Amino acid sequence: LFRSLRLAPRPRLQLSGICLSSRNQATMAPSIPKVAIPPEKWTQAVYSTPEPSLAKAESEKLQSMQFNPSFFSSAYTQCIGRGLSHKECVASLPAVDSKITPAGPLAGSAANADISAAIACISENGGDPEKCTTHFEGLAKLAGYKEEVKKSSTEKASEFCSKAGWNLLAVPVLYGALKFIKIK
């Protein structure tokens, strides 16, 4: 019985000009979906920024974001509770929730021209960001990013001393004590 099954031709499936044997069908079985970012790197994707990105993520500001989904319904309910009509309540509702995190500096109207110029530069140059660095640097300055200043060794030493504070008084005592202690 087994020999007859082995010698029997394998069934074939014809799909749009592609012939799939039963071997290929077995390898096409459903599996875990492939994703661009593996699940173990999801937190890294949220709290960090890709290396070539000019605008780095500010993960400390992520915790300050707020959104109150019941803001408008509670404001409307309070308004109705004061005895006002539906039209008066709708007209008196504030346009924006006061607890919403404010938009960044690039969301303002002052940045619209700079953002439009950067987008136009990218589209003209076929998506090459190297040719539009002047626009990106302008947007970075507008957003408040500053170049990292190189500190001299004296500045680093003075910063260390100010951070160490009164603990720095132990250095001369340790220096004097080490004169009398010999380490083998």
N, C-alpha and C. Protein backbone atom coordinates (compact mmCIF):
# COMPACT_ATOMS: atom_id res chain seq x y z
N LEU A 1 0.83 -1.20 0.00
CA LEU A 1 0.00 0.00 0.00
C LEU A 1 0.87 1.25 0.00
N PHE A 2 1.96 1.29 0.85
CA PHE A 2 2.81 2.47 0.91
C PHE A 2 3.57 2.69 -0.39
N ARG A 3 3.97 1.60 -1.05
CA ARG A 3 4.69 1.75 -2.32
C ARG A 3 3.80 2.37 -3.38
N SER A 4 2.57 1.99 -3.39
CA SER A 4 1.66 2.54 -4.39
C SER A 4 1.45 4.04 -4.16
N LEU A 5 1.48 4.46 -2.89
CA LEU A 5 1.34 5.89 -2.61
C LEU A 5 2.58 6.67 -3.03
N ARG A 6 3.73 6.07 -2.86
CA ARG A 6 4.97 6.75 -3.24
C ARG A 6 5.09 6.91 -4.75
N LEU A 7 4.60 5.93 -5.47
CA LEU A 7 4.73 5.96 -6.91
C LEU A 7 3.65 6.81 -7.57
N ALA A 8 2.62 7.10 -6.83
CA ALA A 8 1.54 7.89 -7.40
C ALA A 8 2.04 9.32 -7.65
N PRO A 9 1.60 9.92 -8.75
CA PRO A 9 2.05 11.29 -9.03
C PRO A 9 1.50 12.25 -7.97
N ARG A 10 2.29 13.23 -7.66
CA ARG A 10 1.87 14.22 -6.66
C ARG A 10 0.86 15.17 -7.28
N PRO A 11 -0.14 15.54 -6.51
CA PRO A 11 -1.13 16.48 -7.06
C PRO A 11 -0.49 17.86 -7.27
N ARG A 12 -0.96 18.53 -8.30
CA ARG A 12 -0.43 19.86 -8.61
C ARG A 12 -1.57 20.87 -8.60
N LEU A 13 -1.23 22.07 -8.22
CA LEU A 13 -2.20 23.15 -8.16
C LEU A 13 -1.76 24.24 -9.13
N GLN A 14 -2.63 24.66 -10.01
CA GLN A 14 -2.29 25.66 -11.01
C GLN A 14 -2.91 26.99 -10.59
N LEU A 15 -2.05 28.00 -10.32
CA LEU A 15 -2.53 29.34 -9.98
C LEU A 15 -1.89 30.35 -10.91
N SER A 16 -2.67 30.99 -11.69
CA SER A 16 -2.24 32.07 -12.58
C SER A 16 -0.91 31.77 -13.26
N GLY A 17 -0.80 30.62 -13.86
CA GLY A 17 0.39 30.28 -14.61
C GLY A 17 1.54 29.74 -13.78
N ILE A 18 1.37 29.63 -12.47
CA ILE A 18 2.42 29.11 -11.61
C ILE A 18 1.99 27.74 -11.13
N CYS A 19 2.82 26.76 -11.35
CA CYS A 19 2.51 25.41 -10.94
C CYS A 19 3.13 25.14 -9.59
N LEU A 20 2.31 24.75 -8.63
CA LEU A 20 2.78 24.49 -7.27
C LEU A 20 2.59 23.02 -6.95
N SER A 21 3.65 22.34 -6.62
CA SER A 21 3.52 20.94 -6.23
C SER A 21 3.15 20.88 -4.75
N SER A 22 2.88 19.67 -4.26
CA SER A 22 2.50 19.52 -2.85
C SER A 22 3.65 19.89 -1.93
N ARG A 23 4.90 19.75 -2.40
CA ARG A 23 6.05 20.16 -1.59
C ARG A 23 6.03 21.66 -1.35
N ASN A 24 5.77 22.42 -2.42
CA ASN A 24 5.73 23.87 -2.29
C ASN A 24 4.56 24.32 -1.44
N GLN A 25 3.45 23.60 -1.52
CA GLN A 25 2.29 23.96 -0.73
C GLN A 25 2.57 23.80 0.75
N ALA A 26 3.38 22.79 1.11
CA ALA A 26 3.70 22.58 2.51
C ALA A 26 4.57 23.71 3.04
N THR A 27 5.45 24.25 2.21
CA THR A 27 6.31 25.34 2.68
C THR A 27 5.56 26.66 2.73
N MET A 28 4.42 26.74 2.08
CA MET A 28 3.65 27.96 2.08
C MET A 28 2.61 27.99 3.20
N ALA A 29 2.72 27.08 4.14
CA ALA A 29 1.75 27.03 5.24
C ALA A 29 1.81 28.34 6.02
N PRO A 30 0.69 28.76 6.60
CA PRO A 30 0.69 30.01 7.35
C PRO A 30 1.69 29.94 8.51
N SER A 31 2.35 31.02 8.72
CA SER A 31 3.33 31.08 9.80
C SER A 31 3.20 32.44 10.49
N ILE A 32 4.11 32.69 11.38
CA ILE A 32 4.11 33.98 12.08
C ILE A 32 4.34 35.07 11.05
N PRO A 33 3.52 36.10 11.07
CA PRO A 33 3.68 37.15 10.06
C PRO A 33 5.02 37.87 10.22
N LYS A 34 5.60 38.20 9.09
CA LYS A 34 6.86 38.94 9.11
C LYS A 34 6.55 40.41 9.31
N VAL A 35 7.27 41.06 10.23
CA VAL A 35 7.06 42.47 10.50
C VAL A 35 8.36 43.23 10.27
N ALA A 36 8.23 44.51 10.04
CA ALA A 36 9.41 45.32 9.80
C ALA A 36 10.24 45.48 11.08
N ILE A 37 9.56 45.58 12.22
CA ILE A 37 10.26 45.72 13.50
C ILE A 37 9.89 44.52 14.36
N PRO A 38 10.87 43.72 14.77
CA PRO A 38 10.55 42.58 15.63
C PRO A 38 9.99 43.04 16.98
N PRO A 39 9.12 42.25 17.59
CA PRO A 39 8.47 42.66 18.84
C PRO A 39 9.45 43.03 19.96
N GLU A 40 10.61 42.39 20.01
CA GLU A 40 11.55 42.70 21.09
C GLU A 40 12.19 44.08 20.92
N LYS A 41 12.02 44.71 19.76
CA LYS A 41 12.59 46.04 19.54
C LYS A 41 11.53 47.13 19.49
N TRP A 42 10.29 46.81 19.89
CA TRP A 42 9.23 47.80 19.85
C TRP A 42 9.48 48.96 20.80
N THR A 43 9.92 48.66 22.01
CA THR A 43 10.17 49.76 22.96
C THR A 43 11.32 50.63 22.47
N GLN A 44 12.31 50.03 21.86
CA GLN A 44 13.41 50.80 21.31
C GLN A 44 12.91 51.72 20.19
N ALA A 45 11.95 51.24 19.41
CA ALA A 45 11.41 52.05 18.33
C ALA A 45 10.63 53.25 18.87
N VAL A 46 10.01 53.10 20.04
CA VAL A 46 9.23 54.19 20.61
C VAL A 46 10.15 55.20 21.30
N TYR A 47 11.11 54.71 22.07
CA TYR A 47 11.91 55.59 22.91
C TYR A 47 13.23 56.03 22.30
N SER A 48 13.55 55.62 21.11
CA SER A 48 14.80 56.05 20.50
C SER A 48 14.51 56.52 19.07
N THR A 49 15.57 56.96 18.41
CA THR A 49 15.45 57.50 17.07
C THR A 49 16.46 56.80 16.17
N PRO A 50 16.13 56.54 14.92
CA PRO A 50 17.12 55.95 14.03
C PRO A 50 18.36 56.84 13.92
N GLU A 51 19.51 56.22 13.70
CA GLU A 51 20.78 56.96 13.66
C GLU A 51 20.80 58.10 12.65
N PRO A 52 20.33 57.91 11.39
CA PRO A 52 20.46 59.02 10.44
C PRO A 52 19.48 60.16 10.67
N SER A 53 18.56 60.02 11.61
CA SER A 53 17.56 61.05 11.84
C SER A 53 18.18 62.30 12.45
N LEU A 54 17.77 63.45 11.95
CA LEU A 54 18.29 64.71 12.46
C LEU A 54 17.55 65.15 13.72
N ALA A 55 16.30 64.77 13.86
CA ALA A 55 15.52 65.14 15.04
C ALA A 55 15.46 63.95 15.98
N LYS A 56 16.15 64.02 17.08
CA LYS A 56 16.21 62.92 18.04
C LYS A 56 14.95 62.92 18.91
N ALA A 57 14.53 61.73 19.31
CA ALA A 57 13.34 61.59 20.14
C ALA A 57 13.62 62.13 21.53
N GLU A 58 12.63 62.77 22.11
CA GLU A 58 12.74 63.29 23.46
C GLU A 58 11.84 62.43 24.34
N SER A 59 12.37 61.29 24.77
CA SER A 59 11.55 60.32 25.48
C SER A 59 11.10 60.83 26.85
N GLU A 60 11.82 61.78 27.44
CA GLU A 60 11.38 62.30 28.74
C GLU A 60 10.11 63.12 28.62
N LYS A 61 9.83 63.67 27.43
CA LYS A 61 8.61 64.43 27.23
C LYS A 61 7.42 63.52 26.90
N LEU A 62 7.70 62.25 26.60
CA LEU A 62 6.64 61.31 26.26
C LEU A 62 5.69 61.09 27.43
N GLN A 63 6.22 61.11 28.65
CA GLN A 63 5.40 60.89 29.84
C GLN A 63 4.48 62.07 30.14
N SER A 64 4.81 63.26 29.65
CA SER A 64 3.99 64.44 29.96
C SER A 64 2.81 64.60 29.01
N MET A 65 2.70 63.73 28.01
CA MET A 65 1.59 63.84 27.07
C MET A 65 0.28 63.44 27.74
N GLN A 66 -0.76 64.20 27.48
CA GLN A 66 -2.07 63.93 28.10
C GLN A 66 -3.17 64.07 27.05
N PHE A 67 -4.22 63.31 27.26
CA PHE A 67 -5.42 63.46 26.46
C PHE A 67 -6.59 63.01 27.29
N ASN A 68 -7.60 63.84 27.41
CA ASN A 68 -8.78 63.52 28.21
C ASN A 68 -9.95 63.27 27.26
N PRO A 69 -10.30 61.99 27.02
CA PRO A 69 -11.37 61.71 26.06
C PRO A 69 -12.75 62.16 26.54
N SER A 70 -12.92 62.38 27.83
CA SER A 70 -14.24 62.79 28.32
C SER A 70 -14.33 64.29 28.57
N PHE A 71 -13.39 65.06 28.06
CA PHE A 71 -13.37 66.50 28.32
C PHE A 71 -14.63 67.19 27.83
N PHE A 72 -14.96 66.98 26.54
CA PHE A 72 -16.10 67.69 25.97
C PHE A 72 -17.42 67.20 26.53
N SER A 73 -17.54 65.90 26.79
CA SER A 73 -18.81 65.41 27.35
C SER A 73 -19.02 65.93 28.77
N SER A 74 -17.97 66.00 29.57
CA SER A 74 -18.15 66.52 30.94
C SER A 74 -18.41 68.02 30.92
N ALA A 75 -17.76 68.76 30.01
CA ALA A 75 -18.02 70.20 29.91
C ALA A 75 -19.45 70.46 29.46
N TYR A 76 -19.93 69.64 28.52
CA TYR A 76 -21.30 69.79 28.04
C TYR A 76 -22.29 69.45 29.15
N THR A 77 -22.01 68.38 29.90
CA THR A 77 -22.90 67.99 31.00
C THR A 77 -22.97 69.07 32.07
N GLN A 78 -21.84 69.67 32.39
CA GLN A 78 -21.83 70.76 33.37
C GLN A 78 -22.62 71.96 32.86
N CYS A 79 -22.52 72.23 31.58
CA CYS A 79 -23.23 73.36 30.99
C CYS A 79 -24.74 73.11 31.04
N ILE A 80 -25.17 71.93 30.69
CA ILE A 80 -26.60 71.58 30.74
C ILE A 80 -27.08 71.65 32.19
N GLY A 81 -26.22 71.22 33.13
CA GLY A 81 -26.57 71.27 34.55
C GLY A 81 -26.77 72.68 35.07
N ARG A 82 -26.17 73.66 34.42
CA ARG A 82 -26.36 75.06 34.82
C ARG A 82 -27.67 75.62 34.30
N GLY A 83 -28.36 74.84 33.46
CA GLY A 83 -29.67 75.27 32.97
C GLY A 83 -29.63 75.94 31.61
N LEU A 84 -28.54 75.86 30.89
CA LEU A 84 -28.46 76.47 29.57
C LEU A 84 -29.02 75.52 28.51
N SER A 85 -29.39 76.06 27.37
CA SER A 85 -29.94 75.24 26.30
C SER A 85 -28.81 74.54 25.54
N HIS A 86 -29.22 73.62 24.66
CA HIS A 86 -28.25 72.86 23.88
C HIS A 86 -27.39 73.79 23.01
N LYS A 87 -28.04 74.76 22.32
CA LYS A 87 -27.30 75.67 21.44
C LYS A 87 -26.31 76.52 22.23
N GLU A 88 -26.73 76.99 23.39
CA GLU A 88 -25.83 77.83 24.21
C GLU A 88 -24.64 77.01 24.71
N CYS A 89 -24.89 75.76 25.08
CA CYS A 89 -23.81 74.90 25.58
C CYS A 89 -22.81 74.59 24.48
N VAL A 90 -23.31 74.27 23.29
CA VAL A 90 -22.40 73.96 22.19
C VAL A 90 -21.57 75.18 21.84
N ALA A 91 -22.18 76.36 21.87
CA ALA A 91 -21.44 77.58 21.54
C ALA A 91 -20.42 77.94 22.62
N SER A 92 -20.68 77.56 23.86
CA SER A 92 -19.77 77.95 24.95
C SER A 92 -18.65 76.94 25.20
N LEU A 93 -18.68 75.78 24.51
CA LEU A 93 -17.62 74.79 24.72
C LEU A 93 -16.27 75.36 24.22
N PRO A 94 -15.22 75.16 24.99
CA PRO A 94 -13.92 75.64 24.52
C PRO A 94 -13.45 74.82 23.31
N ALA A 95 -12.66 75.44 22.47
CA ALA A 95 -12.20 74.77 21.25
C ALA A 95 -11.17 73.70 21.54
N VAL A 96 -10.37 73.88 22.59
CA VAL A 96 -9.27 72.97 22.88
C VAL A 96 -9.26 72.65 24.37
N ASP A 97 -8.98 71.40 24.67
CA ASP A 97 -8.81 70.97 26.05
C ASP A 97 -7.55 71.63 26.61
N SER A 98 -7.63 72.20 27.79
CA SER A 98 -6.48 72.92 28.35
C SER A 98 -5.39 71.97 28.83
N LYS A 99 -5.71 70.69 29.00
CA LYS A 99 -4.71 69.74 29.49
C LYS A 99 -3.96 69.02 28.38
N ILE A 100 -4.30 69.28 27.13
CA ILE A 100 -3.61 68.63 26.01
C ILE A 100 -2.18 69.17 25.95
N THR A 101 -1.25 68.29 25.68
CA THR A 101 0.14 68.69 25.55
C THR A 101 0.28 69.69 24.41
N PRO A 102 0.93 70.81 24.64
CA PRO A 102 1.05 71.81 23.57
C PRO A 102 1.91 71.28 22.42
N ALA A 103 1.62 71.78 21.25
CA ALA A 103 2.36 71.35 20.06
C ALA A 103 3.77 71.91 20.10
N GLY A 104 4.65 71.27 19.39
CA GLY A 104 6.04 71.70 19.34
C GLY A 104 6.22 72.96 18.51
N PRO A 105 7.44 73.49 18.45
CA PRO A 105 7.66 74.74 17.73
C PRO A 105 7.47 74.63 16.22
N LEU A 106 7.58 73.43 15.67
CA LEU A 106 7.42 73.29 14.22
C LEU A 106 5.95 73.21 13.81
N ALA A 107 5.04 73.14 14.76
CA ALA A 107 3.62 73.08 14.43
C ALA A 107 3.03 74.47 14.25
N GLY A 108 3.75 75.50 14.65
CA GLY A 108 3.25 76.88 14.55
C GLY A 108 3.26 77.39 13.12
N SER A 109 2.59 78.50 12.93
CA SER A 109 2.50 79.08 11.59
C SER A 109 3.83 79.66 11.13
N ALA A 110 4.73 79.99 12.06
CA ALA A 110 6.04 80.54 11.69
C ALA A 110 6.88 79.52 10.94
N ALA A 111 6.66 78.25 11.20
CA ALA A 111 7.48 77.20 10.58
C ALA A 111 6.90 76.71 9.26
N ASN A 112 5.70 77.14 8.90
CA ASN A 112 5.06 76.61 7.68
C ASN A 112 5.90 76.84 6.43
N ALA A 113 6.47 78.03 6.28
CA ALA A 113 7.25 78.33 5.08
C ALA A 113 8.52 77.48 5.04
N ASP A 114 9.19 77.32 6.20
CA ASP A 114 10.41 76.52 6.24
C ASP A 114 10.13 75.05 5.96
N ILE A 115 9.05 74.54 6.52
CA ILE A 115 8.68 73.14 6.28
C ILE A 115 8.31 72.93 4.81
N SER A 116 7.57 73.85 4.25
CA SER A 116 7.19 73.75 2.83
C SER A 116 8.42 73.78 1.94
N ALA A 117 9.40 74.63 2.29
CA ALA A 117 10.63 74.71 1.50
C ALA A 117 11.42 73.41 1.60
N ALA A 118 11.48 72.81 2.78
CA ALA A 118 12.19 71.54 2.95
C ALA A 118 11.51 70.42 2.17
N ILE A 119 10.19 70.38 2.20
CA ILE A 119 9.44 69.36 1.45
C ILE A 119 9.64 69.55 -0.05
N ALA A 120 9.62 70.80 -0.51
CA ALA A 120 9.83 71.07 -1.92
C ALA A 120 11.24 70.67 -2.36
N CYS A 121 12.22 70.93 -1.50
CA CYS A 121 13.61 70.56 -1.82
C CYS A 121 13.75 69.05 -1.93
N ILE A 122 13.13 68.32 -1.01
CA ILE A 122 13.20 66.85 -1.05
C ILE A 122 12.53 66.33 -2.33
N SER A 123 11.37 66.89 -2.68
CA SER A 123 10.67 66.39 -3.86
C SER A 123 11.41 66.76 -5.15
N GLU A 124 12.08 67.91 -5.18
CA GLU A 124 12.84 68.31 -6.37
C GLU A 124 14.08 67.44 -6.56
N ASN A 125 14.70 67.05 -5.47
CA ASN A 125 15.95 66.29 -5.54
C ASN A 125 15.75 64.79 -5.47
N GLY A 126 14.55 64.34 -5.66
CA GLY A 126 14.29 62.90 -5.71
C GLY A 126 14.45 62.20 -4.37
N GLY A 127 14.20 62.89 -3.28
CA GLY A 127 14.27 62.26 -1.96
C GLY A 127 15.66 62.18 -1.38
N ASP A 128 16.62 62.89 -1.95
CA ASP A 128 17.99 62.85 -1.43
C ASP A 128 18.15 63.89 -0.33
N PRO A 129 18.26 63.46 0.93
CA PRO A 129 18.34 64.44 2.04
C PRO A 129 19.69 65.17 2.10
N GLU A 130 20.71 64.63 1.45
CA GLU A 130 22.03 65.27 1.48
C GLU A 130 22.01 66.64 0.79
N LYS A 131 21.16 66.81 -0.20
CA LYS A 131 21.12 68.07 -0.95
C LYS A 131 20.28 69.14 -0.24
N CYS A 132 19.58 68.76 0.82
CA CYS A 132 18.69 69.70 1.51
C CYS A 132 19.11 69.95 2.95
N THR A 133 20.38 69.80 3.25
CA THR A 133 20.82 69.95 4.64
C THR A 133 20.62 71.36 5.17
N THR A 134 20.69 72.37 4.30
CA THR A 134 20.49 73.74 4.79
C THR A 134 19.08 73.93 5.31
N HIS A 135 18.10 73.32 4.63
CA HIS A 135 16.71 73.41 5.09
C HIS A 135 16.55 72.70 6.44
N PHE A 136 17.18 71.52 6.56
CA PHE A 136 17.06 70.76 7.81
C PHE A 136 17.75 71.46 8.97
N GLU A 137 18.88 72.11 8.69
CA GLU A 137 19.55 72.86 9.74
C GLU A 137 18.71 74.04 10.20
N GLY A 138 18.04 74.69 9.25
CA GLY A 138 17.15 75.80 9.60
C GLY A 138 15.98 75.33 10.46
N LEU A 139 15.42 74.17 10.10
CA LEU A 139 14.33 73.61 10.91
C LEU A 139 14.82 73.21 12.29
N ALA A 140 16.03 72.71 12.38
CA ALA A 140 16.59 72.33 13.69
C ALA A 140 16.76 73.55 14.57
N LYS A 141 17.25 74.65 14.01
CA LYS A 141 17.39 75.89 14.79
C LYS A 141 16.03 76.42 15.22
N LEU A 142 15.06 76.33 14.32
CA LEU A 142 13.71 76.79 14.63
C LEU A 142 13.09 75.95 15.75
N ALA A 143 13.42 74.66 15.77
CA ALA A 143 12.88 73.76 16.80
C ALA A 143 13.61 73.92 18.12
N GLY A 144 14.74 74.63 18.13
CA GLY A 144 15.44 74.86 19.39
C GLY A 144 16.61 73.94 19.63
N TYR A 145 17.00 73.15 18.65
CA TYR A 145 18.17 72.28 18.82
C TYR A 145 19.44 73.09 18.68
N LYS A 146 20.39 72.78 19.54
CA LYS A 146 21.66 73.50 19.52
C LYS A 146 22.78 72.50 19.30
N GLU A 147 23.83 72.97 18.63
CA GLU A 147 25.00 72.13 18.40
C GLU A 147 25.68 71.84 19.74
N GLU A 148 26.20 70.63 19.87
CA GLU A 148 26.90 70.27 21.10
C GLU A 148 28.22 71.02 21.16
N VAL A 149 28.45 71.71 22.29
CA VAL A 149 29.65 72.51 22.46
C VAL A 149 30.75 71.62 23.03
N LYS A 150 31.93 71.69 22.43
CA LYS A 150 33.07 70.92 22.90
C LYS A 150 33.65 71.63 24.12
N LYS A 151 33.75 70.88 25.24
CA LYS A 151 34.25 71.47 26.49
C LYS A 151 35.74 71.24 26.62
N SER A 152 36.41 72.25 27.16
CA SER A 152 37.84 72.10 27.40
C SER A 152 38.06 71.27 28.66
N SER A 153 39.31 70.85 28.88
CA SER A 153 39.60 70.01 30.05
C SER A 153 39.41 70.79 31.35
N THR A 154 39.68 72.09 31.35
CA THR A 154 39.47 72.88 32.57
C THR A 154 37.98 73.00 32.89
N GLU A 155 37.15 73.16 31.86
CA GLU A 155 35.70 73.21 32.08
C GLU A 155 35.19 71.88 32.64
N LYS A 156 35.72 70.76 32.08
CA LYS A 156 35.32 69.45 32.58
C LYS A 156 35.74 69.27 34.03
N ALA A 157 36.96 69.71 34.37
CA ALA A 157 37.45 69.58 35.75
C ALA A 157 36.62 70.43 36.70
N SER A 158 36.30 71.65 36.29
CA SER A 158 35.50 72.51 37.17
C SER A 158 34.09 71.95 37.35
N GLU A 159 33.52 71.36 36.29
CA GLU A 159 32.20 70.72 36.42
C GLU A 159 32.25 69.54 37.38
N PHE A 160 33.31 68.73 37.26
CA PHE A 160 33.46 67.59 38.16
C PHE A 160 33.58 68.04 39.61
N CYS A 161 34.36 69.08 39.85
CA CYS A 161 34.54 69.58 41.21
C CYS A 161 33.24 70.14 41.77
N SER A 162 32.46 70.83 40.93
CA SER A 162 31.20 71.37 41.43
C SER A 162 30.19 70.26 41.72
N LYS A 163 30.24 69.18 40.94
CA LYS A 163 29.34 68.05 41.21
C LYS A 163 29.78 67.27 42.44
N ALA A 164 31.10 67.15 42.63
CA ALA A 164 31.61 66.39 43.78
C ALA A 164 31.33 67.11 45.09
N GLY A 165 31.37 68.43 45.08
CA GLY A 165 31.04 69.21 46.28
C GLY A 165 32.00 68.96 47.42
N TRP A 166 31.43 68.81 48.63
CA TRP A 166 32.27 68.67 49.82
C TRP A 166 32.98 67.33 49.86
N ASN A 167 32.55 66.34 49.07
CA ASN A 167 33.25 65.05 49.03
C ASN A 167 34.67 65.19 48.49
N LEU A 168 34.92 66.29 47.78
CA LEU A 168 36.25 66.52 47.23
C LEU A 168 37.28 66.80 48.32
N LEU A 169 36.82 67.15 49.53
CA LEU A 169 37.75 67.39 50.65
C LEU A 169 38.46 66.11 51.08
N ALA A 170 37.93 64.96 50.74
CA ALA A 170 38.55 63.69 51.13
C ALA A 170 39.78 63.37 50.29
N VAL A 171 39.96 64.01 49.15
CA VAL A 171 41.09 63.72 48.27
C VAL A 171 42.43 64.01 48.96
N PRO A 172 42.66 65.18 49.58
CA PRO A 172 43.95 65.40 50.25
C PRO A 172 44.18 64.45 51.42
N VAL A 173 43.12 64.08 52.13
CA VAL A 173 43.27 63.15 53.25
C VAL A 173 43.70 61.79 52.73
N LEU A 174 43.06 61.31 51.66
CA LEU A 174 43.44 60.03 51.07
C LEU A 174 44.86 60.07 50.52
N TYR A 175 45.27 61.18 49.94
CA TYR A 175 46.61 61.30 49.41
C TYR A 175 47.64 61.19 50.54
N GLY A 176 47.36 61.86 51.65
CA GLY A 176 48.27 61.79 52.80
C GLY A 176 48.30 60.40 53.41
N ALA A 177 47.17 59.72 53.47
CA ALA A 177 47.10 58.38 54.06
C ALA A 177 47.82 57.37 53.17
N LEU A 178 47.79 57.54 51.88
CA LEU A 178 48.44 56.59 50.98
C LEU A 178 49.96 56.69 51.03
N LYS A 179 50.50 57.77 51.57
CA LYS A 179 51.97 57.88 51.73
C LYS A 179 52.47 56.86 52.75
N PHE A 180 51.61 56.58 53.74
CA PHE A 180 52.04 55.69 54.82
C PHE A 180 51.61 54.25 54.57
N ILE A 181 50.68 54.01 53.67
CA ILE A 181 50.22 52.65 53.38
C ILE A 181 50.88 52.20 52.09
N LYS A 182 51.54 51.02 52.16
CA LYS A 182 52.18 50.49 50.97
C LYS A 182 51.38 49.30 50.46
N ILE A 183 50.99 49.36 49.23
CA ILE A 183 50.21 48.29 48.61
C ILE A 183 51.17 47.35 47.89
N LYS A 184 51.06 46.05 48.20
CA LYS A 184 51.96 45.06 47.59
C LYS A 184 51.51 44.66 46.23
